[in-house]
Amino acid sequence: MTRQSFRADLLMLFIAMIWGSTFVAQRLGMDAVGPFFYSAARFLLGAMLLLPLVYYRGKEENGATASLWRDGTVLGLIIAVGINLQQVGLQYTSIANAGFITSLYVVIVPVIGIFLRHSMHRATWAGVFLAVAGMYFLSVKGNFEVAKGDWLQLTGTFAWAAHVILLSSLSRNHDPIRLSVVQFFVCGMACLLLSLIFEPIASQHVVQAVPAILYGGVLSVGLGYTLQVFAQRNAIPSHAAIIFSMESVFGALAAWLVLGETLSARAIFGCALMLSGMLIAQLVPLYLQKTPPSEPHPH
C-alpha cells in the first residue's frame, strides 16, 4: 500500500466517523426544531459551503446547464425523500438501528439492479441473506413487532439505493462538485417547503439547534463530501468498502458515548450479521470479478 493510499484510508476513516456521529446531531437537533427544518438547514448550508469549490474549479464545458439542473433536481428530490424518512424515523428508533438499517443500501443496490437487467454475484445474495437475518435480530421484537422508526428507516434505504444507482449514471455527464451543489440545494429547498407547511418555526428554537445544524451541514455535508471526493482519488476500492461500512458502527458508538444508548446482546448480534452481509456483498465480487463497490453518499 502506497503512502497516498494510506492517507486516503485515514481520510475515509475520518469521514465515516463524521457521518456516523451525525446521527447524534440529527437526534439532538430535533430537540429544538422539526425534522424537516433541520434537514433543510443542513443541506442548504452544505450547498453554500461547496460554492467556493465551484468557483475554484473555474468555468467548465459542462457548467450550469439545463441538464445539470434537471439531473440535480431529480437526485436532490430523492435525497429529500431518504433524509426526511431517516430524520422522522429517528424520533421512533435508536440511532444504532437507524445507522445499520440505512447502511443496508449497499445490499439493496444490486437487488434493484436485477430489475434493470444487471447481473448479481452469488456472494451478493449471501450478503443480502445475512443482512436480512441481521435486521430480524435487530428490529423484530419477541412479539414479532417492528418499531415504526425501523420501518421508516428501511423505506428510506430504498431511496438511498435509488440515489446511488441514478448517481452512477447521471454523474458521468457533469462535474461532481457542481452536481452536488445542485442536488443539495434542491434537497434543502424541498425540506424547507415541507417545514413551512407542516412545522411551526420559532427563532429561539432555531438558535438552540444551531450547533447540531452546523455539525450536520458543515462537517457531514460540506466537509465530509469534499474530503470524500479527494480521498477516493487514491483509495483502494476494497478499503473504501470496508471503511465506509464502518459508518454504522461509529453511529452506534457515538450514540453510546453522547446519549447513553445501549444495545441488547440480540441487537448486537443482528448488527454483526448486517455488517458481515454488507462487507460480503461488496468485497467478494470485488475480489473475484474486479467489480468496484457502490460509492457511499453523504448523510
C-alpha atoms as a PDB file:
ATOM      1  CA  MET A   1       0.000   0.000   0.000  1.00  0.00           C
ATOM      2  CA  THR A   2       1.399   3.396  -1.001  1.00  0.00           C
ATOM      3  CA  ARG A   3       1.630   6.429   1.259  1.00  0.00           C
ATOM      4  CA  GLN A   4      -1.146   8.078  -0.789  1.00  0.00           C
ATOM      5  CA  SER A   5      -3.437   5.076  -0.264  1.00  0.00           C
ATOM      6  CA  PHE A   6      -2.697   5.110   3.463  1.00  0.00           C
ATOM      7  CA  ARG A   7      -3.590   8.794   3.666  1.00  0.00           C
ATOM      8  CA  ALA A   8      -6.781   8.087   1.718  1.00  0.00           C
ATOM      9  CA  ASP A   9      -7.686   5.352   4.223  1.00  0.00           C
ATOM     10  CA  LEU A  10      -7.193   7.768   7.126  1.00  0.00           C
ATOM     11  CA  LEU A  11      -9.338  10.387   5.406  1.00  0.00           C
ATOM     12  CA  MET A  12     -12.120   7.877   4.708  1.00  0.00           C
ATOM     13  CA  LEU A  13     -11.999   6.678   8.310  1.00  0.00           C
ATOM     14  CA  PHE A  14     -12.400  10.279   9.454  1.00  0.00           C
ATOM     15  CA  ILE A  15     -15.323  10.729   7.048  1.00  0.00           C
ATOM     16  CA  ALA A  16     -17.017   7.550   8.315  1.00  0.00           C
ATOM     17  CA  MET A  17     -16.645   8.850  11.876  1.00  0.00           C
ATOM     18  CA  ILE A  18     -18.223  12.171  10.880  1.00  0.00           C
ATOM     19  CA  TRP A  19     -21.128  10.567   9.045  1.00  0.00           C
ATOM     20  CA  GLY A  20     -21.766   8.037  11.813  1.00  0.00           C
ATOM     21  CA  SER A  21     -21.698  10.644  14.576  1.00  0.00           C
ATOM     22  CA  THR A  22     -24.012  12.899  12.561  1.00  0.00           C
ATOM     23  CA  PHE A  23     -26.902  10.643  13.610  1.00  0.00           C
ATOM     24  CA  VAL A  24     -26.413  12.047  17.128  1.00  0.00           C
ATOM     25  CA  ALA A  25     -26.527  15.616  15.798  1.00  0.00           C
ATOM     26  CA  GLN A  26     -29.707  14.762  13.896  1.00  0.00           C
ATOM     27  CA  ARG A  27     -31.341  13.490  17.084  1.00  0.00           C
ATOM     28  CA  LEU A  28     -30.173  16.470  19.174  1.00  0.00           C
ATOM     29  CA  GLY A  29     -31.276  18.936  16.506  1.00  0.00           C
ATOM     30  CA  MET A  30     -34.837  17.665  16.766  1.00  0.00           C
ATOM     31  CA  ASP A  31     -34.901  18.610  20.457  1.00  0.00           C
ATOM     32  CA  ALA A  32     -35.300  22.193  19.230  1.00  0.00           C
ATOM     33  CA  VAL A  33     -36.661  22.136  15.659  1.00  0.00           C
ATOM     34  CA  GLY A  34     -38.697  19.810  13.481  1.00  0.00           C
ATOM     35  CA  PRO A  35     -37.130  17.132  11.265  1.00  0.00           C
ATOM     36  CA  PHE A  36     -37.917  18.950   8.010  1.00  0.00           C
ATOM     37  CA  PHE A  37     -36.390  22.250   9.127  1.00  0.00           C
ATOM     38  CA  TYR A  38     -33.254  20.543  10.405  1.00  0.00           C
ATOM     39  CA  SER A  39     -32.739  18.750   7.090  1.00  0.00           C
ATOM     40  CA  ALA A  40     -33.388  21.974   5.157  1.00  0.00           C
ATOM     41  CA  ALA A  41     -30.876  23.958   7.197  1.00  0.00           C
ATOM     42  CA  ARG A  42     -28.050  21.423   7.000  1.00  0.00           C
ATOM     43  CA  PHE A  43     -28.344  20.754   3.266  1.00  0.00           C
ATOM     44  CA  LEU A  44     -28.685  24.415   2.297  1.00  0.00           C
ATOM     45  CA  LEU A  45     -25.665  25.158   4.476  1.00  0.00           C
ATOM     46  CA  GLY A  46     -23.769  22.284   2.880  1.00  0.00           C
ATOM     47  CA  ALA A  47     -24.582  23.582  -0.615  1.00  0.00           C
ATOM     48  CA  MET A  48     -23.328  27.048   0.330  1.00  0.00           C
ATOM     49  CA  LEU A  49     -20.068  25.613   1.655  1.00  0.00           C
ATOM     50  CA  LEU A  50     -19.398  23.854  -1.658  1.00  0.00           C
ATOM     51  CA  LEU A  51     -19.867  27.040  -3.708  1.00  0.00           C
ATOM     52  CA  PRO A  52     -16.241  28.190  -3.204  1.00  0.00           C
ATOM     53  CA  LEU A  53     -15.093  24.893  -4.724  1.00  0.00           C
ATOM     54  CA  VAL A  54     -17.229  25.602  -7.791  1.00  0.00           C
ATOM     55  CA  TYR A  55     -15.553  28.999  -8.129  1.00  0.00           C
ATOM     56  CA  TYR A  56     -12.106  27.495  -7.535  1.00  0.00           C
ATOM     57  CA  ARG A  57     -12.584  24.918 -10.286  1.00  0.00           C
ATOM     58  CA  GLY A  58     -13.453  27.734 -12.699  1.00  0.00           C
ATOM     59  CA  LYS A  59     -15.661  27.600 -15.762  1.00  0.00           C
ATOM     60  CA  GLU A  60     -16.060  24.229 -17.401  1.00  0.00           C
ATOM     61  CA  GLU A  61     -17.673  22.961 -20.526  1.00  0.00           C
ATOM     62  CA  ASN A  62     -20.341  21.158 -18.522  1.00  0.00           C
ATOM     63  CA  GLY A  63     -21.212  24.056 -16.219  1.00  0.00           C
ATOM     64  CA  ALA A  64     -24.639  25.167 -15.045  1.00  0.00           C
ATOM     65  CA  THR A  65     -26.574  23.806 -17.994  1.00  0.00           C
ATOM     66  CA  ALA A  66     -30.203  22.797 -18.211  1.00  0.00           C
ATOM     67  CA  SER A  67     -29.263  19.123 -17.987  1.00  0.00           C
ATOM     68  CA  LEU A  68     -27.243  19.774 -14.821  1.00  0.00           C
ATOM     69  CA  TRP A  69     -30.260  21.352 -13.137  1.00  0.00           C
ATOM     70  CA  ARG A  70     -32.573  18.626 -14.444  1.00  0.00           C
ATOM     71  CA  ASP A  71     -30.415  15.778 -13.179  1.00  0.00           C
ATOM     72  CA  GLY A  72     -29.510  17.592  -9.963  1.00  0.00           C
ATOM     73  CA  THR A  73     -33.184  18.230  -9.248  1.00  0.00           C
ATOM     74  CA  VAL A  74     -34.071  14.559  -9.643  1.00  0.00           C
ATOM     75  CA  LEU A  75     -31.207  13.497  -7.380  1.00  0.00           C
ATOM     76  CA  GLY A  76     -31.991  16.219  -4.855  1.00  0.00           C
ATOM     77  CA  LEU A  77     -35.629  15.179  -4.560  1.00  0.00           C
ATOM     78  CA  ILE A  78     -34.577  11.569  -3.991  1.00  0.00           C
ATOM     79  CA  ILE A  79     -32.191  12.692  -1.248  1.00  0.00           C
ATOM     80  CA  ALA A  80     -35.054  14.687   0.287  1.00  0.00           C
ATOM     81  CA  VAL A  81     -37.194  11.548   0.447  1.00  0.00           C
ATOM     82  CA  GLY A  82     -34.405   9.499   2.006  1.00  0.00           C
ATOM     83  CA  ILE A  83     -33.215  12.085   4.527  1.00  0.00           C
ATOM     84  CA  ASN A  84     -36.719  13.006   5.712  1.00  0.00           C
ATOM     85  CA  LEU A  85     -37.704   9.372   6.239  1.00  0.00           C
ATOM     86  CA  GLN A  86     -34.442   8.940   8.145  1.00  0.00           C
ATOM     87  CA  GLN A  87     -34.932  12.115  10.165  1.00  0.00           C
ATOM     88  CA  VAL A  88     -38.555  11.403  11.094  1.00  0.00           C
ATOM     89  CA  GLY A  89     -37.710   7.767  11.796  1.00  0.00           C
ATOM     90  CA  LEU A  90     -35.051   8.821  14.320  1.00  0.00           C
ATOM     91  CA  GLN A  91     -37.889  10.013  16.536  1.00  0.00           C
ATOM     92  CA  TYR A  92     -39.132   6.424  16.878  1.00  0.00           C
ATOM     93  CA  THR A  93     -36.000   4.255  16.935  1.00  0.00           C
ATOM     94  CA  SER A  94     -32.464   4.190  18.271  1.00  0.00           C
ATOM     95  CA  ILE A  95     -29.501   5.744  16.495  1.00  0.00           C
ATOM     96  CA  ALA A  96     -27.822   2.337  16.205  1.00  0.00           C
ATOM     97  CA  ASN A  97     -30.884   0.894  14.466  1.00  0.00           C
ATOM     98  CA  ALA A  98     -31.074   3.896  12.147  1.00  0.00           C
ATOM     99  CA  GLY A  99     -27.400   3.672  11.225  1.00  0.00           C
ATOM    100  CA  PHE A 100     -27.305  -0.033  10.483  1.00  0.00           C
ATOM    101  CA  ILE A 101     -30.630  -0.099   8.625  1.00  0.00           C
ATOM    102  CA  THR A 102     -29.643   2.902   6.497  1.00  0.00           C
ATOM    103  CA  SER A 103     -26.382   1.159   5.575  1.00  0.00           C
ATOM    104  CA  LEU A 104     -28.390  -1.661   4.004  1.00  0.00           C
ATOM    105  CA  TYR A 105     -28.482   0.357   0.788  1.00  0.00           C
ATOM    106  CA  VAL A 106     -25.220  -1.373  -0.184  1.00  0.00           C
ATOM    107  CA  VAL A 107     -27.060  -4.697  -0.488  1.00  0.00           C
ATOM    108  CA  ILE A 108     -30.288  -3.212  -1.869  1.00  0.00           C
ATOM    109  CA  VAL A 109     -28.489  -1.578  -4.807  1.00  0.00           C
ATOM    110  CA  PRO A 110     -27.542  -4.886  -6.520  1.00  0.00           C
ATOM    111  CA  VAL A 111     -31.027  -6.298  -5.840  1.00  0.00           C
ATOM    112  CA  ILE A 112     -32.623  -3.333  -7.622  1.00  0.00           C
ATOM    113  CA  GLY A 113     -30.055  -3.851 -10.365  1.00  0.00           C
ATOM    114  CA  ILE A 114     -31.645  -7.216 -11.162  1.00  0.00           C
ATOM    115  CA  PHE A 115     -34.786  -5.416 -12.358  1.00  0.00           C
ATOM    116  CA  LEU A 116     -32.539  -3.249 -14.525  1.00  0.00           C
ATOM    117  CA  ARG A 117     -31.064  -6.418 -16.058  1.00  0.00           C
ATOM    118  CA  HIS A 118     -27.788  -6.137 -14.179  1.00  0.00           C
ATOM    119  CA  SER A 119     -26.049  -9.333 -13.148  1.00  0.00           C
ATOM    120  CA  MET A 120     -25.815 -10.147  -9.442  1.00  0.00           C
ATOM    121  CA  HIS A 121     -22.981 -12.201  -7.966  1.00  0.00           C
ATOM    122  CA  ARG A 122     -23.888 -15.200  -5.790  1.00  0.00           C
ATOM    123  CA  ALA A 123     -21.884 -13.710  -2.941  1.00  0.00           C
ATOM    124  CA  THR A 124     -24.188 -10.698  -3.036  1.00  0.00           C
ATOM    125  CA  TRP A 125     -27.158 -12.989  -2.415  1.00  0.00           C
ATOM    126  CA  ALA A 126     -25.321 -14.354   0.623  1.00  0.00           C
ATOM    127  CA  GLY A 127     -24.758 -10.794   1.793  1.00  0.00           C
ATOM    128  CA  VAL A 128     -28.440  -9.962   1.345  1.00  0.00           C
ATOM    129  CA  PHE A 129     -29.444 -13.053   3.336  1.00  0.00           C
ATOM    130  CA  LEU A 130     -27.119 -12.135   6.214  1.00  0.00           C
ATOM    131  CA  ALA A 131     -28.317  -8.529   6.168  1.00  0.00           C
ATOM    132  CA  VAL A 132     -31.994  -9.540   6.284  1.00  0.00           C
ATOM    133  CA  ALA A 133     -31.299 -12.032   9.077  1.00  0.00           C
ATOM    134  CA  GLY A 134     -29.393  -9.348  10.950  1.00  0.00           C
ATOM    135  CA  MET A 135     -32.242  -6.884  10.646  1.00  0.00           C
ATOM    136  CA  TYR A 136     -34.585  -9.518  12.076  1.00  0.00           C
ATOM    137  CA  PHE A 137     -32.462  -9.825  15.218  1.00  0.00           C
ATOM    138  CA  LEU A 138     -32.015  -6.056  15.419  1.00  0.00           C
ATOM    139  CA  SER A 139     -35.566  -4.870  14.819  1.00  0.00           C
ATOM    140  CA  VAL A 140     -38.102  -7.667  15.369  1.00  0.00           C
ATOM    141  CA  LYS A 141     -39.162  -7.958  18.989  1.00  0.00           C
ATOM    142  CA  GLY A 142     -40.393 -11.033  20.829  1.00  0.00           C
ATOM    143  CA  ASN A 143     -43.996 -10.365  19.791  1.00  0.00           C
ATOM    144  CA  PHE A 144     -42.904 -10.009  16.134  1.00  0.00           C
ATOM    145  CA  GLU A 145     -43.492  -6.265  16.186  1.00  0.00           C
ATOM    146  CA  VAL A 146     -41.168  -3.854  14.384  1.00  0.00           C
ATOM    147  CA  ALA A 147     -40.729  -0.293  15.602  1.00  0.00           C
ATOM    148  CA  LYS A 148     -42.320   2.401  13.445  1.00  0.00           C
ATOM    149  CA  GLY A 149     -38.964   4.127  13.157  1.00  0.00           C
ATOM    150  CA  ASP A 150     -37.308   0.999  11.769  1.00  0.00           C
ATOM    151  CA  TRP A 151     -39.917   0.760   9.024  1.00  0.00           C
ATOM    152  CA  LEU A 152     -39.309   4.409   8.120  1.00  0.00           C
ATOM    153  CA  GLN A 153     -35.546   3.836   8.037  1.00  0.00           C
ATOM    154  CA  LEU A 154     -35.958   0.761   5.829  1.00  0.00           C
ATOM    155  CA  THR A 155     -38.231   2.633   3.414  1.00  0.00           C
ATOM    156  CA  GLY A 156     -35.707   5.438   3.234  1.00  0.00           C
ATOM    157  CA  THR A 157     -32.970   2.942   2.441  1.00  0.00           C
ATOM    158  CA  PHE A 158     -34.626   2.259  -0.918  1.00  0.00           C
ATOM    159  CA  ALA A 159     -34.388   5.986  -1.668  1.00  0.00           C
ATOM    160  CA  TRP A 160     -30.660   5.922  -0.860  1.00  0.00           C
ATOM    161  CA  ALA A 161     -30.231   2.887  -3.104  1.00  0.00           C
ATOM    162  CA  ALA A 162     -32.095   4.609  -5.943  1.00  0.00           C
ATOM    163  CA  HIS A 163     -29.849   7.633  -5.476  1.00  0.00           C
ATOM    164  CA  VAL A 164     -26.702   5.513  -5.778  1.00  0.00           C
ATOM    165  CA  ILE A 165     -27.969   3.859  -8.971  1.00  0.00           C
ATOM    166  CA  LEU A 166     -29.031   7.119 -10.619  1.00  0.00           C
ATOM    167  CA  LEU A 167     -25.913   8.959  -9.487  1.00  0.00           C
ATOM    168  CA  SER A 168     -23.653   6.352 -11.080  1.00  0.00           C
ATOM    169  CA  SER A 169     -25.349   7.088 -14.398  1.00  0.00           C
ATOM    170  CA  LEU A 170     -26.078  10.817 -14.242  1.00  0.00           C
ATOM    171  CA  SER A 171     -22.778  11.907 -12.706  1.00  0.00           C
ATOM    172  CA  ARG A 172     -20.838  10.868 -15.810  1.00  0.00           C
ATOM    173  CA  ASN A 173     -22.116  13.922 -17.653  1.00  0.00           C
ATOM    174  CA  HIS A 174     -21.433  16.568 -15.001  1.00  0.00           C
ATOM    175  CA  ASP A 175     -18.749  17.997 -12.767  1.00  0.00           C
ATOM    176  CA  PRO A 176     -19.253  16.209  -9.403  1.00  0.00           C
ATOM    177  CA  ILE A 177     -18.952  19.359  -7.280  1.00  0.00           C
ATOM    178  CA  ARG A 178     -21.484  21.295  -9.365  1.00  0.00           C
ATOM    179  CA  LEU A 179     -23.875  18.360  -9.371  1.00  0.00           C
ATOM    180  CA  SER A 180     -23.593  18.080  -5.596  1.00  0.00           C
ATOM    181  CA  VAL A 181     -24.329  21.773  -5.089  1.00  0.00           C
ATOM    182  CA  VAL A 182     -27.477  21.497  -7.196  1.00  0.00           C
ATOM    183  CA  GLN A 183     -28.774  18.321  -5.559  1.00  0.00           C
ATOM    184  CA  PHE A 184     -28.060  19.591  -2.034  1.00  0.00           C
ATOM    185  CA  PHE A 185     -29.755  22.923  -2.837  1.00  0.00           C
ATOM    186  CA  VAL A 186     -32.837  21.197  -4.274  1.00  0.00           C
ATOM    187  CA  CYS A 187     -32.997  18.833  -1.297  1.00  0.00           C
ATOM    188  CA  GLY A 188     -32.723  21.760   1.120  1.00  0.00           C
ATOM    189  CA  MET A 189     -35.458  23.754  -0.622  1.00  0.00           C
ATOM    190  CA  ALA A 190     -37.789  20.728  -0.720  1.00  0.00           C
ATOM    191  CA  CYS A 191     -37.252  20.166   3.007  1.00  0.00           C
ATOM    192  CA  LEU A 192     -37.799  23.873   3.699  1.00  0.00           C
ATOM    193  CA  LEU A 193     -41.114  23.767   1.833  1.00  0.00           C
ATOM    194  CA  LEU A 194     -42.232  20.777   3.925  1.00  0.00           C
ATOM    195  CA  SER A 195     -41.157  22.602   7.067  1.00  0.00           C
ATOM    196  CA  LEU A 196     -43.147  25.726   6.182  1.00  0.00           C
ATOM    197  CA  ILE A 197     -46.233  23.587   5.559  1.00  0.00           C
ATOM    198  CA  PHE A 198     -46.080  21.181   8.497  1.00  0.00           C
ATOM    199  CA  GLU A 199     -43.874  22.692  11.210  1.00  0.00           C
ATOM    200  CA  PRO A 200     -44.092  25.793  13.408  1.00  0.00           C
ATOM    201  CA  ILE A 201     -40.769  27.649  13.374  1.00  0.00           C
ATOM    202  CA  ALA A 202     -39.687  29.842  16.303  1.00  0.00           C
ATOM    203  CA  SER A 203     -36.462  31.857  16.205  1.00  0.00           C
ATOM    204  CA  GLN A 204     -35.430  30.846  19.720  1.00  0.00           C
ATOM    205  CA  HIS A 205     -35.737  27.186  18.783  1.00  0.00           C
ATOM    206  CA  VAL A 206     -33.614  27.705  15.682  1.00  0.00           C
ATOM    207  CA  VAL A 207     -30.891  29.287  17.828  1.00  0.00           C
ATOM    208  CA  GLN A 208     -30.927  26.241  20.109  1.00  0.00           C
ATOM    209  CA  ALA A 209     -30.473  23.958  17.104  1.00  0.00           C
ATOM    210  CA  VAL A 210     -27.516  25.900  15.624  1.00  0.00           C
ATOM    211  CA  PRO A 211     -24.769  23.583  16.992  1.00  0.00           C
ATOM    212  CA  ALA A 212     -26.494  20.485  15.586  1.00  0.00           C
ATOM    213  CA  ILE A 213     -27.183  22.247  12.271  1.00  0.00           C
ATOM    214  CA  LEU A 214     -23.548  23.329  11.991  1.00  0.00           C
ATOM    215  CA  TYR A 215     -22.360  19.793  12.701  1.00  0.00           C
ATOM    216  CA  GLY A 216     -24.714  18.287  10.124  1.00  0.00           C
ATOM    217  CA  GLY A 217     -24.173  20.986   7.496  1.00  0.00           C
ATOM    218  CA  VAL A 218     -20.512  21.920   7.886  1.00  0.00           C
ATOM    219  CA  LEU A 219     -18.979  18.580   8.876  1.00  0.00           C
ATOM    220  CA  SER A 220     -21.311  15.961   7.390  1.00  0.00           C
ATOM    221  CA  VAL A 221     -22.400  17.585   4.121  1.00  0.00           C
ATOM    222  CA  GLY A 222     -19.759  20.228   3.397  1.00  0.00           C
ATOM    223  CA  LEU A 223     -16.508  18.799   4.767  1.00  0.00           C
ATOM    224  CA  GLY A 224     -17.482  15.118   4.560  1.00  0.00           C
ATOM    225  CA  TYR A 225     -18.385  15.193   0.885  1.00  0.00           C
ATOM    226  CA  THR A 226     -15.392  17.348  -0.066  1.00  0.00           C
ATOM    227  CA  LEU A 227     -12.952  15.018   1.681  1.00  0.00           C
ATOM    228  CA  GLN A 228     -14.644  12.007   0.080  1.00  0.00           C
ATOM    229  CA  VAL A 229     -14.030  13.408  -3.406  1.00  0.00           C
ATOM    230  CA  PHE A 230     -10.320  13.866  -2.729  1.00  0.00           C
ATOM    231  CA  ALA A 231      -9.861  10.684  -0.672  1.00  0.00           C
ATOM    232  CA  GLN A 232     -11.350   8.356  -3.267  1.00  0.00           C
ATOM    233  CA  ARG A 233      -8.948   9.574  -5.937  1.00  0.00           C
ATOM    234  CA  ASN A 234      -6.211   7.495  -4.285  1.00  0.00           C
ATOM    235  CA  ALA A 235      -8.362   4.992  -2.391  1.00  0.00           C
ATOM    236  CA  ILE A 236      -8.193   1.239  -2.857  1.00  0.00           C
ATOM    237  CA  PRO A 237     -11.807   0.151  -3.623  1.00  0.00           C
ATOM    238  CA  SER A 238     -11.777  -2.746  -1.161  1.00  0.00           C
ATOM    239  CA  HIS A 239     -10.525  -0.428   1.586  1.00  0.00           C
ATOM    240  CA  ALA A 240     -13.268   2.087   0.764  1.00  0.00           C
ATOM    241  CA  ALA A 241     -15.951  -0.609   1.034  1.00  0.00           C
ATOM    242  CA  ILE A 242     -14.762  -1.718   4.460  1.00  0.00           C
ATOM    243  CA  ILE A 243     -14.136   1.736   5.895  1.00  0.00           C
ATOM    244  CA  PHE A 244     -17.393   3.317   4.761  1.00  0.00           C
ATOM    245  CA  SER A 245     -19.338   0.304   6.049  1.00  0.00           C
ATOM    246  CA  MET A 246     -17.981   1.247   9.490  1.00  0.00           C
ATOM    247  CA  GLU A 247     -20.181   4.352   9.459  1.00  0.00           C
ATOM    248  CA  SER A 248     -22.976   2.449  11.191  1.00  0.00           C
ATOM    249  CA  VAL A 249     -20.561   1.225  13.870  1.00  0.00           C
ATOM    250  CA  PHE A 250     -19.366   4.763  14.560  1.00  0.00           C
ATOM    251  CA  GLY A 251     -23.004   5.856  14.790  1.00  0.00           C
ATOM    252  CA  ALA A 252     -23.712   3.262  17.476  1.00  0.00           C
ATOM    253  CA  LEU A 253     -20.541   4.231  19.377  1.00  0.00           C
ATOM    254  CA  ALA A 254     -21.394   7.941  19.222  1.00  0.00           C
ATOM    255  CA  ALA A 255     -24.917   7.252  20.481  1.00  0.00           C
ATOM    256  CA  TRP A 256     -23.476   5.288  23.402  1.00  0.00           C
ATOM    257  CA  LEU A 257     -20.883   7.937  24.287  1.00  0.00           C
ATOM    258  CA  VAL A 258     -23.098  11.027  23.922  1.00  0.00           C
ATOM    259  CA  LEU A 259     -26.627   9.811  24.637  1.00  0.00           C
ATOM    260  CA  GLY A 260     -26.012   6.661  26.656  1.00  0.00           C
ATOM    261  CA  GLU A 261     -27.857   4.423  24.178  1.00  0.00           C
ATOM    262  CA  THR A 262     -27.177   0.721  24.619  1.00  0.00           C
ATOM    263  CA  LEU A 263     -27.924  -2.403  22.602  1.00  0.00           C
ATOM    264  CA  SER A 264     -29.070  -5.799  23.812  1.00  0.00           C
ATOM    265  CA  ALA A 265     -26.998  -8.891  23.018  1.00  0.00           C
ATOM    266  CA  ARG A 266     -29.627  -9.858  20.431  1.00  0.00           C
ATOM    267  CA  ALA A 267     -29.365  -6.456  18.740  1.00  0.00           C
ATOM    268  CA  ILE A 268     -25.553  -6.553  18.737  1.00  0.00           C
ATOM    269  CA  PHE A 269     -25.689  -9.985  17.081  1.00  0.00           C
ATOM    270  CA  GLY A 270     -28.050  -8.566  14.468  1.00  0.00           C
ATOM    271  CA  CYS A 271     -25.719  -5.622  13.817  1.00  0.00           C
ATOM    272  CA  ALA A 272     -22.797  -8.028  13.378  1.00  0.00           C
ATOM    273  CA  LEU A 273     -24.765 -10.073  10.826  1.00  0.00           C
ATOM    274  CA  MET A 274     -25.759  -6.934   8.928  1.00  0.00           C
ATOM    275  CA  LEU A 275     -22.192  -5.612   8.840  1.00  0.00           C
ATOM    276  CA  SER A 276     -20.946  -9.030   7.657  1.00  0.00           C
ATOM    277  CA  GLY A 277     -23.573  -9.105   4.929  1.00  0.00           C
ATOM    278  CA  MET A 278     -22.668  -5.617   3.742  1.00  0.00           C
ATOM    279  CA  LEU A 279     -18.971  -6.463   3.574  1.00  0.00           C
ATOM    280  CA  ILE A 280     -19.540  -9.787   1.777  1.00  0.00           C
ATOM    281  CA  ALA A 281     -21.848  -8.138  -0.769  1.00  0.00           C
ATOM    282  CA  GLN A 282     -19.194  -5.527  -1.530  1.00  0.00           C
ATOM    283  CA  LEU A 283     -15.858  -7.302  -1.179  1.00  0.00           C
ATOM    284  CA  VAL A 284     -16.315 -10.794  -2.637  1.00  0.00           C
ATOM    285  CA  PRO A 285     -17.498  -9.602  -6.082  1.00  0.00           C
ATOM    286  CA  LEU A 286     -14.732  -7.008  -5.982  1.00  0.00           C
ATOM    287  CA  TYR A 287     -12.031  -9.615  -5.475  1.00  0.00           C
ATOM    288  CA  LEU A 288     -13.476 -12.234  -7.824  1.00  0.00           C
ATOM    289  CA  GLN A 289     -14.761 -10.029 -10.627  1.00  0.00           C
ATOM    290  CA  LYS A 290     -12.915  -6.762 -10.007  1.00  0.00           C
ATOM    291  CA  THR A 291     -16.272  -5.021  -9.602  1.00  0.00           C
ATOM    292  CA  PRO A 292     -15.990  -1.714  -7.716  1.00  0.00           C
ATOM    293  CA  PRO A 293     -18.256  -1.246  -4.700  1.00  0.00           C
ATOM    294  CA  SER A 294     -21.140   1.171  -4.752  1.00  0.00           C
ATOM    295  CA  GLU A 295     -19.997   4.636  -3.736  1.00  0.00           C
ATOM    296  CA  PRO A 296     -21.390   5.956  -0.462  1.00  0.00           C
ATOM    297  CA  HIS A 297     -23.355   9.197  -0.158  1.00  0.00           C
ATOM    298  CA  PRO A 298     -23.151  11.947   2.362  1.00  0.00           C
ATOM    299  CA  HIS A 299     -25.708  11.789   5.198  1.00  0.00           C
END
